[in-house]
């Protein structure tokens, strides 16, 4: 009989709100459950950043983004946002990439 994996939960320890590069970012320090079946211990605390994406989905509001920062606090920079919020490949970019590879 296999043991079921527990759903990972979180407990917020500390919260900071800042405006980084024109975005409202919430930094939270969280104690998290790892999700292993035998582990009832909370690990951490670890820092996470939460913000709303700039592009809206087809229906509804912009999606909430989350990024793991680590054990020590640091503010997000423009490279972090660019890495996570890459624009989707449209037809023009696909064609340009295809022509460049040939």
PDB file of N, CA and C in Angstrom:
ATOM      1  N   UNK A   1       0.841  -1.178   0.000  1.00  0.00           N
ATOM      2  CA  UNK A   1       0.000   0.000   0.000  1.00  0.00           C
ATOM      3  C   UNK A   1       0.888   1.243   0.000  1.00  0.00           C
ATOM      4  N   UNK A   2       0.645   2.144  -0.931  1.00  0.00           N
ATOM      5  CA  UNK A   2       1.453   3.357  -1.010  1.00  0.00           C
ATOM      6  C   UNK A   2       0.834   4.460  -0.164  1.00  0.00           C
ATOM      7  N   UNK A   3       1.692   5.272   0.391  1.00  0.00           N
ATOM      8  CA  UNK A   3       1.225   6.384   1.199  1.00  0.00           C
ATOM      9  C   UNK A   3       0.934   7.574   0.293  1.00  0.00           C
ATOM     10  N   UNK A   4      -0.127   8.296   0.615  1.00  0.00           N
ATOM     11  CA  UNK A   4      -0.480   9.469  -0.174  1.00  0.00           C
ATOM     12  C   UNK A   4       0.411  10.632   0.204  1.00  0.00           C
ATOM     13  N   UNK A   5       0.789  11.404  -0.798  1.00  0.00           N
ATOM     14  CA  UNK A   5       1.572  12.600  -0.571  1.00  0.00           C
ATOM     15  C   UNK A   5       0.659  13.696  -0.036  1.00  0.00           C
ATOM     16  N   UNK A   6       1.085  14.360   1.044  1.00  0.00           N
ATOM     17  CA  UNK A   6       0.282  15.424   1.621  1.00  0.00           C
ATOM     18  C   UNK A   6       0.377  16.673   0.765  1.00  0.00           C
ATOM     19  N   UNK A   7      -0.688  17.445   0.763  1.00  0.00           N
ATOM     20  CA  UNK A   7      -0.669  18.709   0.054  1.00  0.00           C
ATOM     21  C   UNK A   7       0.172  19.696   0.850  1.00  0.00           C
ATOM     22  N   UNK A   8       1.108  20.341   0.172  1.00  0.00           N
ATOM     23  CA  UNK A   8       1.992  21.282   0.846  1.00  0.00           C
ATOM     24  C   UNK A   8       1.210  22.505   1.282  1.00  0.00           C
ATOM     25  N   UNK A   9       1.422  22.937   2.513  1.00  0.00           N
ATOM     26  CA  UNK A   9       0.763  24.114   3.051  1.00  0.00           C
ATOM     27  C   UNK A   9       1.794  25.153   3.429  1.00  0.00           C
ATOM     28  N   UNK A  10       1.319  26.342   3.790  1.00  0.00           N
ATOM     29  CA  UNK A  10       2.241  27.399   4.167  1.00  0.00           C
ATOM     30  C   UNK A  10       1.703  28.145   5.371  1.00  0.00           C
ATOM     31  N   UNK A  11       2.606  28.739   6.109  1.00  0.00           N
ATOM     32  CA  UNK A  11       2.275  29.568   7.250  1.00  0.00           C
ATOM     33  C   UNK A  11       3.083  30.853   7.084  1.00  0.00           C
ATOM     34  N   UNK A  12       2.394  31.979   6.941  1.00  0.00           N
ATOM     35  CA  UNK A  12       3.077  33.251   6.689  1.00  0.00           C
ATOM     36  C   UNK A  12       3.643  33.789   7.994  1.00  0.00           C
ATOM     37  N   UNK A  13       4.954  34.086   7.983  1.00  0.00           N
ATOM     38  CA  UNK A  13       5.650  34.575   9.165  1.00  0.00           C
ATOM     39  C   UNK A  13       5.795  36.092   9.120  1.00  0.00           C
ATOM     40  N   UNK A  14       6.118  36.642   7.940  1.00  0.00           N
ATOM     41  CA  UNK A  14       6.400  38.064   7.807  1.00  0.00           C
ATOM     42  C   UNK A  14       5.993  38.523   6.409  1.00  0.00           C
ATOM     43  N   UNK A  15       5.523  39.758   6.275  1.00  0.00           N
ATOM     44  CA  UNK A  15       5.095  40.296   4.994  1.00  0.00           C
ATOM     45  C   UNK A  15       5.666  41.695   4.800  1.00  0.00           C
ATOM     46  N   UNK A  16       6.121  41.985   3.563  1.00  0.00           N
ATOM     47  CA  UNK A  16       6.585  43.324   3.182  1.00  0.00           C
ATOM     48  C   UNK A  16       5.927  43.685   1.864  1.00  0.00           C
ATOM     49  N   UNK A  17       5.500  44.939   1.722  1.00  0.00           N
ATOM     50  CA  UNK A  17       4.930  45.425   0.470  1.00  0.00           C
ATOM     51  C   UNK A  17       5.843  46.519  -0.065  1.00  0.00           C
ATOM     52  N   UNK A  18       6.225  46.411  -1.338  1.00  0.00           N
ATOM     53  CA  UNK A  18       7.096  47.412  -1.954  1.00  0.00           C
ATOM     54  C   UNK A  18       6.680  47.625  -3.402  1.00  0.00           C
ATOM     55  N   UNK A  19       7.068  48.763  -3.936  1.00  0.00           N
ATOM     56  CA  UNK A  19       6.891  49.034  -5.356  1.00  0.00           C
ATOM     57  C   UNK A  19       8.255  48.853  -6.017  1.00  0.00           C
ATOM     58  N   UNK A  20       8.398  47.809  -6.839  1.00  0.00           N
ATOM     59  CA  UNK A  20       9.646  47.531  -7.545  1.00  0.00           C
ATOM     60  C   UNK A  20       9.427  47.706  -9.032  1.00  0.00           C
ATOM     61  N   UNK A  21      10.134  48.635  -9.628  1.00  0.00           N
ATOM     62  CA  UNK A  21      10.088  48.861 -11.070  1.00  0.00           C
ATOM     63  C   UNK A  21       8.667  49.045 -11.576  1.00  0.00           C
ATOM     64  N   UNK A  22       7.883  49.842 -10.866  1.00  0.00           N
ATOM     65  CA  UNK A  22       6.519  50.140 -11.285  1.00  0.00           C
ATOM     66  C   UNK A  22       5.508  49.041 -10.999  1.00  0.00           C
ATOM     67  N   UNK A  23       5.876  48.050 -10.221  1.00  0.00           N
ATOM     68  CA  UNK A  23       4.953  46.968  -9.870  1.00  0.00           C
ATOM     69  C   UNK A  23       4.823  46.906  -8.363  1.00  0.00           C
ATOM     70  N   UNK A  24       3.662  46.524  -7.904  1.00  0.00           N
ATOM     71  CA  UNK A  24       3.455  46.306  -6.478  1.00  0.00           C
ATOM     72  C   UNK A  24       3.812  44.863  -6.179  1.00  0.00           C
ATOM     73  N   UNK A  25       4.841  44.681  -5.384  1.00  0.00           N
ATOM     74  CA  UNK A  25       5.337  43.347  -5.051  1.00  0.00           C
ATOM     75  C   UNK A  25       5.138  43.106  -3.562  1.00  0.00           C
ATOM     76  N   UNK A  26       4.631  41.931  -3.227  1.00  0.00           N
ATOM     77  CA  UNK A  26       4.491  41.516  -1.839  1.00  0.00           C
ATOM     78  C   UNK A  26       5.510  40.423  -1.576  1.00  0.00           C
ATOM     79  N   UNK A  27       6.360  40.653  -0.600  1.00  0.00           N
ATOM     80  CA  UNK A  27       7.356  39.665  -0.192  1.00  0.00           C
ATOM     81  C   UNK A  27       6.839  38.999   1.074  1.00  0.00           C
ATOM     82  N   UNK A  28       6.806  37.667   1.075  1.00  0.00           N
ATOM     83  CA  UNK A  28       6.331  36.940   2.243  1.00  0.00           C
ATOM     84  C   UNK A  28       7.362  35.912   2.678  1.00  0.00           C
ATOM     85  N   UNK A  29       7.565  35.864   3.979  1.00  0.00           N
ATOM     86  CA  UNK A  29       8.427  34.853   4.578  1.00  0.00           C
ATOM     87  C   UNK A  29       7.507  33.759   5.095  1.00  0.00           C
ATOM     88  N   UNK A  30       7.682  32.539   4.580  1.00  0.00           N
ATOM     89  CA  UNK A  30       6.731  31.469   4.852  1.00  0.00           C
ATOM     90  C   UNK A  30       7.405  30.222   5.400  1.00  0.00           C
ATOM     91  N   UNK A  31       6.704  29.553   6.317  1.00  0.00           N
ATOM     92  CA  UNK A  31       7.064  28.208   6.746  1.00  0.00           C
ATOM     93  C   UNK A  31       6.221  27.266   5.893  1.00  0.00           C
ATOM     94  N   UNK A  32       6.845  26.306   5.235  1.00  0.00           N
ATOM     95  CA  UNK A  32       6.121  25.452   4.296  1.00  0.00           C
ATOM     96  C   UNK A  32       6.240  23.981   4.678  1.00  0.00           C
ATOM     97  N   UNK A  33       5.194  23.219   4.336  1.00  0.00           N
ATOM     98  CA  UNK A  33       5.247  21.765   4.461  1.00  0.00           C
ATOM     99  C   UNK A  33       5.889  21.236   3.188  1.00  0.00           C
ATOM    100  N   UNK A  34       6.776  20.258   3.314  1.00  0.00           N
ATOM    101  CA  UNK A  34       7.469  19.763   2.125  1.00  0.00           C
ATOM    102  C   UNK A  34       6.588  18.861   1.269  1.00  0.00           C
ATOM    103  N   UNK A  35       5.572  18.240   1.827  1.00  0.00           N
ATOM    104  CA  UNK A  35       4.680  17.406   1.048  1.00  0.00           C
ATOM    105  C   UNK A  35       4.966  15.919   1.150  1.00  0.00           C
ATOM    106  N   UNK A  36       6.036  15.530   1.833  1.00  0.00           N
ATOM    107  CA  UNK A  36       6.318  14.109   2.012  1.00  0.00           C
ATOM    108  C   UNK A  36       5.289  13.496   2.958  1.00  0.00           C
ATOM    109  N   UNK A  37       4.960  12.240   2.731  1.00  0.00           N
ATOM    110  CA  UNK A  37       3.912  11.578   3.503  1.00  0.00           C
ATOM    111  C   UNK A  37       4.282  11.440   4.991  1.00  0.00           C
ATOM    112  N   UNK A  38       5.545  11.208   5.295  1.00  0.00           N
ATOM    113  CA  UNK A  38       5.965  10.971   6.677  1.00  0.00           C
ATOM    114  C   UNK A  38       6.380  12.235   7.417  1.00  0.00           C
ATOM    115  N   UNK A  39       6.430  13.359   6.738  1.00  0.00           N
ATOM    116  CA  UNK A  39       6.964  14.591   7.340  1.00  0.00           C
ATOM    117  C   UNK A  39       5.826  15.519   7.756  1.00  0.00           C
ATOM    118  N   UNK A  40       5.744  15.801   9.048  1.00  0.00           N
ATOM    119  CA  UNK A  40       4.749  16.729   9.566  1.00  0.00           C
ATOM    120  C   UNK A  40       5.373  18.054   9.974  1.00  0.00           C
ATOM    121  N   UNK A  41       6.650  18.228   9.697  1.00  0.00           N
ATOM    122  CA  UNK A  41       7.396  19.391  10.135  1.00  0.00           C
ATOM    123  C   UNK A  41       7.317  20.511   9.099  1.00  0.00           C
ATOM    124  N   UNK A  42       7.243  21.752   9.569  1.00  0.00           N
ATOM    125  CA  UNK A  42       7.304  22.898   8.660  1.00  0.00           C
ATOM    126  C   UNK A  42       8.765  23.290   8.476  1.00  0.00           C
ATOM    127  N   UNK A  43       9.141  23.567   7.233  1.00  0.00           N
ATOM    128  CA  UNK A  43      10.521  23.916   6.900  1.00  0.00           C
ATOM    129  C   UNK A  43      10.609  25.403   6.591  1.00  0.00           C
ATOM    130  N   UNK A  44      11.799  25.953   6.760  1.00  0.00           N
ATOM    131  CA  UNK A  44      11.990  27.359   6.427  1.00  0.00           C
ATOM    132  C   UNK A  44      12.364  28.168   7.646  1.00  0.00           C
ATOM    133  N   UNK A  45      12.049  29.408   7.661  1.00  0.00           N
ATOM    134  CA  UNK A  45      11.213  30.165   6.730  1.00  0.00           C
ATOM    135  C   UNK A  45      11.966  30.550   5.462  1.00  0.00           C
ATOM    136  N   UNK A  46      11.223  30.611   4.358  1.00  0.00           N
ATOM    137  CA  UNK A  46      11.753  30.980   3.052  1.00  0.00           C
ATOM    138  C   UNK A  46      11.011  32.207   2.539  1.00  0.00           C
ATOM    139  N   UNK A  47      11.711  33.054   1.771  1.00  0.00           N
ATOM    140  CA  UNK A  47      11.117  34.249   1.193  1.00  0.00           C
ATOM    141  C   UNK A  47      10.548  33.929  -0.196  1.00  0.00           C
ATOM    142  N   UNK A  48       9.348  34.452  -0.464  1.00  0.00           N
ATOM    143  CA  UNK A  48       8.688  34.355  -1.774  1.00  0.00           C
ATOM    144  C   UNK A  48       8.219  35.745  -2.174  1.00  0.00           C
ATOM    145  N   UNK A  49       8.190  36.015  -3.479  1.00  0.00           N
ATOM    146  CA  UNK A  49       7.673  37.280  -4.001  1.00  0.00           C
ATOM    147  C   UNK A  49       6.397  36.996  -4.787  1.00  0.00           C
ATOM    148  N   UNK A  50       5.380  37.835  -4.604  1.00  0.00           N
ATOM    149  CA  UNK A  50       4.105  37.714  -5.313  1.00  0.00           C
ATOM    150  C   UNK A  50       3.805  39.040  -5.996  1.00  0.00           C
ATOM    151  N   UNK A  51       3.329  38.989  -7.249  1.00  0.00           N
ATOM    152  CA  UNK A  51       2.898  40.177  -7.967  1.00  0.00           C
ATOM    153  C   UNK A  51       1.959  39.774  -9.087  1.00  0.00           C
ATOM    154  N   UNK A  52       1.239  40.750  -9.630  1.00  0.00           N
ATOM    155  CA  UNK A  52       0.345  40.516 -10.763  1.00  0.00           C
ATOM    156  C   UNK A  52       1.119  40.757 -12.055  1.00  0.00           C
ATOM    157  N   UNK A  53       0.906  39.877 -13.032  1.00  0.00           N
ATOM    158  CA  UNK A  53       1.566  40.014 -14.326  1.00  0.00           C
ATOM    159  C   UNK A  53       1.022  41.241 -15.041  1.00  0.00           C
ATOM    160  N   UNK A  54       1.789  41.779 -15.966  1.00  0.00           N
ATOM    161  CA  UNK A  54       1.345  42.961 -16.706  1.00  0.00           C
ATOM    162  C   UNK A  54       0.341  42.599 -17.788  1.00  0.00           C
ATOM    163  N   UNK A  55       0.486  41.430 -18.394  1.00  0.00           N
ATOM    164  CA  UNK A  55      -0.427  41.012 -19.453  1.00  0.00           C
ATOM    165  C   UNK A  55      -1.631  40.331 -18.829  1.00  0.00           C
ATOM    166  N   UNK A  56      -2.815  40.721 -19.285  1.00  0.00           N
ATOM    167  CA  UNK A  56      -4.034  40.084 -18.792  1.00  0.00           C
ATOM    168  C   UNK A  56      -4.302  38.832 -19.598  1.00  0.00           C
ATOM    169  N   UNK A  57      -4.927  37.879 -18.954  1.00  0.00           N
ATOM    170  CA  UNK A  57      -5.359  36.662 -19.638  1.00  0.00           C
ATOM    171  C   UNK A  57      -6.559  36.996 -20.506  1.00  0.00           C
ATOM    172  N   UNK A  58      -7.001  36.046 -21.335  1.00  0.00           N
ATOM    173  CA  UNK A  58      -8.157  36.277 -22.190  1.00  0.00           C
ATOM    174  C   UNK A  58      -9.402  36.619 -21.384  1.00  0.00           C
ATOM    175  N   UNK A  59      -9.609  35.907 -20.294  1.00  0.00           N
ATOM    176  CA  UNK A  59     -10.777  36.138 -19.455  1.00  0.00           C
ATOM    177  C   UNK A  59     -10.314  36.439 -18.045  1.00  0.00           C
ATOM    178  N   UNK A  60     -10.718  37.590 -17.523  1.00  0.00           N
ATOM    179  CA  UNK A  60     -10.420  37.894 -16.131  1.00  0.00           C
ATOM    180  C   UNK A  60      -9.196  38.771 -15.951  1.00  0.00           C
ATOM    181  N   UNK A  61      -8.730  38.808 -14.715  1.00  0.00           N
ATOM    182  CA  UNK A  61      -7.624  39.677 -14.329  1.00  0.00           C
ATOM    183  C   UNK A  61      -6.280  39.046 -14.679  1.00  0.00           C
ATOM    184  N   UNK A  62      -5.241  39.841 -14.507  1.00  0.00           N
ATOM    185  CA  UNK A  62      -3.881  39.359 -14.752  1.00  0.00           C
ATOM    186  C   UNK A  62      -3.551  38.274 -13.726  1.00  0.00           C
ATOM    187  N   UNK A  63      -2.821  37.233 -14.137  1.00  0.00           N
ATOM    188  CA  UNK A  63      -2.518  36.142 -13.205  1.00  0.00           C
ATOM    189  C   UNK A  63      -1.525  36.559 -12.122  1.00  0.00           C
ATOM    190  N   UNK A  64      -1.633  35.918 -10.981  1.00  0.00           N
ATOM    191  CA  UNK A  64      -0.731  36.154  -9.868  1.00  0.00           C
ATOM    192  C   UNK A  64       0.543  35.348 -10.102  1.00  0.00           C
ATOM    193  N   UNK A  65       1.680  35.997 -10.023  1.00  0.00           N
ATOM    194  CA  UNK A  65       2.976  35.341 -10.206  1.00  0.00           C
ATOM    195  C   UNK A  65       3.635  35.145  -8.845  1.00  0.00           C
ATOM    196  N   UNK A  66       4.434  34.095  -8.738  1.00  0.00           N
ATOM    197  CA  UNK A  66       5.139  33.775  -7.499  1.00  0.00           C
ATOM    198  C   UNK A  66       6.562  33.373  -7.850  1.00  0.00           C
ATOM    199  N   UNK A  67       7.527  33.831  -7.048  1.00  0.00           N
ATOM    200  CA  UNK A  67       8.925  33.466  -7.270  1.00  0.00           C
ATOM    201  C   UNK A  67       9.585  33.166  -5.930  1.00  0.00           C
ATOM    202  N   UNK A  68      10.299  32.045  -5.877  1.00  0.00           N
ATOM    203  CA  UNK A  68      11.064  31.680  -4.686  1.00  0.00           C
ATOM    204  C   UNK A  68      12.311  32.545  -4.647  1.00  0.00           C
ATOM    205  N   UNK A  69      12.593  33.166  -3.506  1.00  0.00           N
ATOM    206  CA  UNK A  69      13.774  34.015  -3.369  1.00  0.00           C
ATOM    207  C   UNK A  69      14.873  33.296  -2.598  1.00  0.00           C
ATOM    208  N   UNK A  70      14.535  32.658  -1.482  1.00  0.00           N
ATOM    209  CA  UNK A  70      15.535  31.930  -0.708  1.00  0.00           C
ATOM    210  C   UNK A  70      15.411  32.199   0.777  1.00  0.00           C
ATOM    211  N   UNK A  71      16.435  31.803   1.508  1.00  0.00           N
ATOM    212  CA  UNK A  71      16.449  31.980   2.963  1.00  0.00           C
ATOM    213  C   UNK A  71      16.638  33.445   3.345  1.00  0.00           C
ATOM    214  N   UNK A  72      17.417  34.190   2.554  1.00  0.00           N
ATOM    215  CA  UNK A  72      17.674  35.595   2.872  1.00  0.00           C
ATOM    216  C   UNK A  72      16.880  36.488   1.930  1.00  0.00           C
ATOM    217  N   UNK A  73      16.445  37.632   2.436  1.00  0.00           N
ATOM    218  CA  UNK A  73      15.611  38.567   1.680  1.00  0.00           C
ATOM    219  C   UNK A  73      16.453  39.325   0.657  1.00  0.00           C
ATOM    220  N   UNK A  74      15.898  39.494  -0.540  1.00  0.00           N
ATOM    221  CA  UNK A  74      16.471  40.386  -1.546  1.00  0.00           C
ATOM    222  C   UNK A  74      15.342  40.891  -2.417  1.00  0.00           C
ATOM    223  N   UNK A  75      15.486  42.128  -2.898  1.00  0.00           N
ATOM    224  CA  UNK A  75      14.471  42.702  -3.785  1.00  0.00           C
ATOM    225  C   UNK A  75      14.648  42.154  -5.189  1.00  0.00           C
ATOM    226  N   UNK A  76      13.539  42.032  -5.903  1.00  0.00           N
ATOM    227  CA  UNK A  76      13.589  41.570  -7.279  1.00  0.00           C
ATOM    228  C   UNK A  76      14.072  42.692  -8.184  1.00  0.00           C
ATOM    229  N   UNK A  77      14.835  42.327  -9.220  1.00  0.00           N
ATOM    230  CA  UNK A  77      15.320  43.293 -10.190  1.00  0.00           C
ATOM    231  C   UNK A  77      14.632  43.107 -11.531  1.00  0.00           C
ATOM    232  N   UNK A  78      14.992  43.928 -12.497  1.00  0.00           N
ATOM    233  CA  UNK A  78      14.352  43.862 -13.813  1.00  0.00           C
ATOM    234  C   UNK A  78      14.650  42.534 -14.513  1.00  0.00           C
ATOM    235  N   UNK A  79      15.809  41.943 -14.269  1.00  0.00           N
ATOM    236  CA  UNK A  79      16.148  40.655 -14.888  1.00  0.00           C
ATOM    237  C   UNK A  79      15.236  39.540 -14.383  1.00  0.00           C
ATOM    238  N   UNK A  80      14.856  39.591 -13.114  1.00  0.00           N
ATOM    239  CA  UNK A  80      13.947  38.585 -12.553  1.00  0.00           C
ATOM    240  C   UNK A  80      12.576  38.655 -13.220  1.00  0.00           C
ATOM    241  N   UNK A  81      12.052  39.882 -13.371  1.00  0.00           N
ATOM    242  CA  UNK A  81      10.745  40.041 -14.014  1.00  0.00           C
ATOM    243  C   UNK A  81      10.801  39.617 -15.478  1.00  0.00           C
ATOM    244  N   UNK A  82      11.870  39.983 -16.175  1.00  0.00           N
ATOM    245  CA  UNK A  82      11.995  39.643 -17.598  1.00  0.00           C
ATOM    246  C   UNK A  82      12.078  38.136 -17.790  1.00  0.00           C
ATOM    247  N   UNK A  83      12.757  37.443 -16.898  1.00  0.00           N
ATOM    248  CA  UNK A  83      12.909  35.989 -17.018  1.00  0.00           C
ATOM    249  C   UNK A  83      11.575  35.278 -16.828  1.00  0.00           C
ATOM    250  N   UNK A  84      10.746  35.771 -15.918  1.00  0.00           N
ATOM    251  CA  UNK A  84       9.495  35.100 -15.618  1.00  0.00           C
ATOM    252  C   UNK A  84       8.392  35.483 -16.603  1.00  0.00           C
ATOM    253  N   UNK A  85       8.327  36.743 -16.995  1.00  0.00           N
ATOM    254  CA  UNK A  85       7.248  37.218 -17.854  1.00  0.00           C
ATOM    255  C   UNK A  85       7.698  37.350 -19.306  1.00  0.00           C
ATOM    256  N   UNK A  86       8.191  36.284 -19.875  1.00  0.00           N
ATOM    257  CA  UNK A  86       8.588  36.305 -21.282  1.00  0.00           C
ATOM    258  C   UNK A  86       7.349  36.401 -22.158  1.00  0.00           C
ATOM    259  N   UNK A  87       7.396  37.241 -23.198  1.00  0.00           N
ATOM    260  CA  UNK A  87       6.232  37.316 -24.079  1.00  0.00           C
ATOM    261  C   UNK A  87       6.101  36.030 -24.894  1.00  0.00           C
ATOM    262  N   UNK A  88       4.874  35.624 -25.205  1.00  0.00           N
ATOM    263  CA  UNK A  88       4.702  34.409 -25.998  1.00  0.00           C
ATOM    264  C   UNK A  88       5.232  34.611 -27.413  1.00  0.00           C
ATOM    265  N   UNK A  89       5.640  33.525 -28.037  1.00  0.00           N
ATOM    266  CA  UNK A  89       6.152  33.604 -29.404  1.00  0.00           C
ATOM    267  C   UNK A  89       4.983  33.833 -30.356  1.00  0.00           C
ATOM    268  N   UNK A  90       4.919  35.002 -30.968  1.00  0.00           N
ATOM    269  CA  UNK A  90       3.905  35.293 -31.973  1.00  0.00           C
ATOM    270  C   UNK A  90       4.403  34.847 -33.340  1.00  0.00           C
ATOM    271  N   UNK A  91       3.577  35.009 -34.350  1.00  0.00           N
ATOM    272  CA  UNK A  91       3.960  34.580 -35.699  1.00  0.00           C
ATOM    273  C   UNK A  91       5.182  35.316 -36.215  1.00  0.00           C
ATOM    274  N   UNK A  92       5.292  36.634 -35.946  1.00  0.00           N
ATOM    275  CA  UNK A  92       6.441  37.401 -36.429  1.00  0.00           C
ATOM    276  C   UNK A  92       7.736  36.902 -35.800  1.00  0.00           C
ATOM    277  N   UNK A  93       7.713  36.648 -34.500  1.00  0.00           N
ATOM    278  CA  UNK A  93       8.935  36.172 -33.835  1.00  0.00           C
ATOM    279  C   UNK A  93       9.296  34.767 -34.298  1.00  0.00           C
ATOM    280  N   UNK A  94       8.286  33.919 -34.535  1.00  0.00           N
ATOM    281  CA  UNK A  94       8.569  32.560 -35.023  1.00  0.00           C
ATOM    282  C   UNK A  94       9.232  32.612 -36.382  1.00  0.00           C
ATOM    283  N   UNK A  95       8.681  33.453 -37.283  1.00  0.00           N
ATOM    284  CA  UNK A  95       9.270  33.578 -38.608  1.00  0.00           C
ATOM    285  C   UNK A  95      10.696  34.098 -38.557  1.00  0.00           C
ATOM    286  N   UNK A  96      10.939  35.105 -37.692  1.00  0.00           N
ATOM    287  CA  UNK A  96      12.275  35.666 -37.568  1.00  0.00           C
ATOM    288  C   UNK A  96      13.249  34.629 -37.038  1.00  0.00           C
ATOM    289  N   UNK A  97      12.829  33.839 -36.066  1.00  0.00           N
ATOM    290  CA  UNK A  97      13.697  32.800 -35.524  1.00  0.00           C
ATOM    291  C   UNK A  97      13.945  31.715 -36.581  1.00  0.00           C
ATOM    292  N   UNK A  98      12.927  31.383 -37.355  1.00  0.00           N
ATOM    293  CA  UNK A  98      13.072  30.357 -38.378  1.00  0.00           C
ATOM    294  C   UNK A  98      14.022  30.808 -39.486  1.00  0.00           C
ATOM    295  N   UNK A  99      13.908  32.077 -39.920  1.00  0.00           N
ATOM    296  CA  UNK A  99      14.791  32.609 -40.966  1.00  0.00           C
ATOM    297  C   UNK A  99      16.231  32.685 -40.473  1.00  0.00           C
ATOM    298  N   UNK A 100      16.400  33.048 -39.199  1.00  0.00           N
ATOM    299  CA  UNK A 100      17.752  33.170 -38.642  1.00  0.00           C
ATOM    300  C   UNK A 100      18.441  31.833 -38.517  1.00  0.00           C
ATOM    301  N   UNK A 101      17.683  30.754 -38.332  1.00  0.00           N
ATOM    302  CA  UNK A 101      18.281  29.423 -38.171  1.00  0.00           C
ATOM    303  C   UNK A 101      18.689  28.828 -39.515  1.00  0.00           C
ATOM    304  N   UNK A 102      18.080  29.290 -40.604  1.00  0.00           N
ATOM    305  CA  UNK A 102      18.367  28.712 -41.922  1.00  0.00           C
ATOM    306  C   UNK A 102      19.667  29.176 -42.506  1.00  0.00           C
TER     307      UNK A 102
END
